[in-house]
Protein backbone atom coordinates (compact mmCIF):
# COMPACT_ATOMS: atom_id res chain seq x y z
CA UNK A 1 0.00 0.00 0.00
CA UNK A 2 2.80 2.45 0.88
CA UNK A 3 4.55 1.67 -2.41
CA UNK A 4 1.33 2.37 -4.34
CA UNK A 5 0.78 5.69 -2.55
CA UNK A 6 4.40 6.66 -3.21
CA UNK A 7 3.98 5.85 -6.91
CA UNK A 8 0.78 7.92 -7.15
CA UNK A 9 2.46 10.84 -5.33
CA UNK A 10 5.52 10.63 -7.61
CA UNK A 11 3.26 10.65 -10.69
CA UNK A 12 1.38 13.72 -9.40
CA UNK A 13 4.65 15.50 -8.58
CA UNK A 14 5.92 14.70 -12.06
CA UNK A 15 2.76 16.31 -13.48
CA UNK A 16 3.17 19.48 -11.44
CA UNK A 17 6.77 19.78 -12.62
CA UNK A 18 5.47 20.07 -16.21
CA UNK A 19 3.85 23.36 -15.16
CA UNK A 20 6.85 24.80 -13.31
CA UNK A 21 7.43 27.29 -16.15
CA UNK A 22 4.54 29.31 -14.64
CA UNK A 23 6.41 29.93 -11.38
CA UNK A 24 7.51 33.49 -10.76
CA UNK A 25 6.14 37.00 -11.14
CA UNK A 26 4.85 38.04 -14.53
CA UNK A 27 4.01 41.57 -15.73
CA UNK A 28 1.45 42.27 -18.44
CA UNK A 29 3.23 44.11 -21.22
CA UNK A 30 2.64 47.91 -21.11
CA UNK A 31 0.39 47.72 -18.01
CA UNK A 32 0.81 47.72 -14.25
CA UNK A 33 -0.90 44.32 -14.03
CA UNK A 34 0.86 41.25 -12.65
CA UNK A 35 0.33 37.53 -12.23
CA UNK A 36 2.38 35.49 -9.79
CA UNK A 37 2.65 31.72 -9.32
CA UNK A 38 4.40 29.56 -6.73
CA UNK A 39 4.43 25.88 -5.85
CA UNK A 40 2.78 25.64 -2.44
CA UNK A 41 2.92 21.85 -2.02
CA UNK A 42 3.36 18.68 -4.09
CA UNK A 43 -0.07 19.02 -5.75
CA UNK A 44 -0.75 22.78 -5.86
CA UNK A 45 0.46 25.88 -7.63
CA UNK A 46 -1.04 29.04 -6.13
CA UNK A 47 -1.26 32.34 -7.89
CA UNK A 48 -2.77 35.78 -7.90
CA UNK A 49 -3.57 38.52 -10.35
CA UNK A 50 -2.93 42.01 -9.04
CA UNK A 51 -2.14 45.58 -9.91
CA UNK A 52 0.16 48.05 -8.23
CA UNK A 53 -1.49 51.27 -7.06
CA UNK A 54 0.72 53.86 -5.35
CA UNK A 55 3.20 51.12 -4.45
CA UNK A 56 0.54 48.84 -2.93
CA UNK A 57 -0.45 45.43 -4.25
CA UNK A 58 -4.19 45.31 -5.01
CA UNK A 59 -5.20 41.66 -5.57
CA UNK A 60 -8.14 41.20 -7.91
CA UNK A 61 -7.91 37.46 -8.59
CA UNK A 62 -6.81 34.34 -6.67
CA UNK A 63 -5.66 31.40 -8.79
CA UNK A 64 -4.89 27.75 -8.08
CA UNK A 65 -3.74 24.79 -10.12
CA UNK A 66 -4.56 21.54 -8.33
CA UNK A 67 -3.14 18.23 -9.55
CA UNK A 68 -4.73 14.82 -8.94
CA UNK A 69 -3.95 11.45 -10.50
CA UNK A 70 -6.85 11.95 -12.95
CA UNK A 71 -7.03 15.69 -13.68
CA UNK A 72 -5.60 19.18 -13.35
CA UNK A 73 -7.98 21.94 -12.23
CA UNK A 74 -7.33 25.65 -12.75
CA UNK A 75 -9.55 27.67 -10.41
CA UNK A 76 -10.00 31.44 -10.66
CA UNK A 77 -11.65 33.45 -7.92
CA UNK A 78 -12.23 36.99 -9.15
CA UNK A 79 -13.06 39.55 -6.49
CA UNK A 80 -16.61 40.95 -6.79
CA UNK A 81 -17.67 38.26 -9.30
CA UNK A 82 -19.57 34.96 -9.05
CA UNK A 83 -20.52 35.65 -5.42
CA UNK A 84 -16.86 35.22 -4.46
CA UNK A 85 -16.78 31.60 -5.64
CA UNK A 86 -13.85 30.14 -7.54
CA UNK A 87 -14.67 29.00 -11.08
CA UNK A 88 -13.02 25.68 -12.06
CA UNK A 89 -11.51 25.00 -15.49
CA UNK A 90 -10.32 21.48 -16.36
CA UNK A 91 -7.11 20.83 -18.27
CA UNK A 92 -8.18 19.75 -21.75
CA UNK A 93 -4.87 20.01 -23.60
CA UNK A 94 -1.24 20.00 -22.58
CA UNK A 95 1.48 20.14 -25.18
CA UNK A 96 5.12 21.10 -24.90
CA UNK A 97 4.59 24.86 -24.66
CA UNK A 98 0.80 25.25 -24.40
CA UNK A 99 -1.64 24.36 -21.64
CA UNK A 100 -5.37 24.86 -22.10
CA UNK A 101 -8.18 24.76 -19.54
CA UNK A 102 -11.89 24.74 -20.29
CA UNK A 103 -15.25 25.21 -18.58
CA UNK A 104 -17.98 25.17 -21.26
CA UNK A 105 -20.67 25.92 -18.63
CA UNK A 106 -19.16 29.27 -17.63
CA UNK A 107 -20.39 32.40 -19.44
CA UNK A 108 -16.97 34.00 -19.99
CA UNK A 109 -14.30 32.91 -20.24
CA UNK A 110 -14.77 29.31 -21.26
CA UNK A 111 -11.13 28.69 -22.16
CA UNK A 112 -7.89 29.90 -20.61
CA UNK A 113 -4.67 29.06 -22.42
CA UNK A 114 -1.05 29.65 -21.43
CA UNK A 115 1.47 29.57 -24.26
CA UNK A 116 5.15 29.70 -23.29
CA UNK A 117 6.59 31.74 -26.17
CA UNK A 118 10.09 31.95 -24.62
CA UNK A 119 11.50 31.08 -21.19
CA UNK A 120 10.44 34.49 -19.85
CA UNK A 121 7.45 35.27 -22.10
CA UNK A 122 3.89 33.93 -21.90
CA UNK A 123 0.90 34.59 -24.12
CA UNK A 124 -2.35 34.09 -22.21
CA UNK A 125 -5.53 33.66 -24.26
CA UNK A 126 -8.86 34.23 -22.51
CA UNK A 127 -11.63 32.97 -24.80
CA UNK A 128 -15.39 32.53 -25.02
CA UNK A 129 -17.44 29.81 -26.70
CA UNK A 130 -16.73 31.26 -30.15
CA UNK A 131 -12.96 31.34 -29.45
CA UNK A 132 -13.12 35.14 -29.33
CA UNK A 133 -11.75 37.07 -26.40
CA UNK A 134 -8.45 38.70 -25.63
CA UNK A 135 -4.77 37.91 -25.22
CA UNK A 136 -2.21 39.20 -22.76
CA UNK A 137 1.55 39.10 -23.22
CA UNK A 138 3.30 38.50 -19.90
CA UNK A 139 6.99 39.06 -19.26
CA UNK A 140 8.65 37.34 -16.28
CA UNK A 141 10.09 39.96 -13.92
CA UNK A 142 11.14 37.60 -11.11
CA UNK A 143 11.71 33.86 -10.94
Foldseek 3Di string as FASTA:
>chain_A
DVVVVVVQLVLQLVVVVLVCLQAAKKAWPPFQKIKHWDDPDSFKIKMFIFGADPNDTDTQKIWMWGTGSVWIWIWIQGPPPPVRDTDIWTFDDDDNFKTKTADLVDQWFGMWMWGPPDSFWIKIQTHHPVRDDDITIIGGPTD
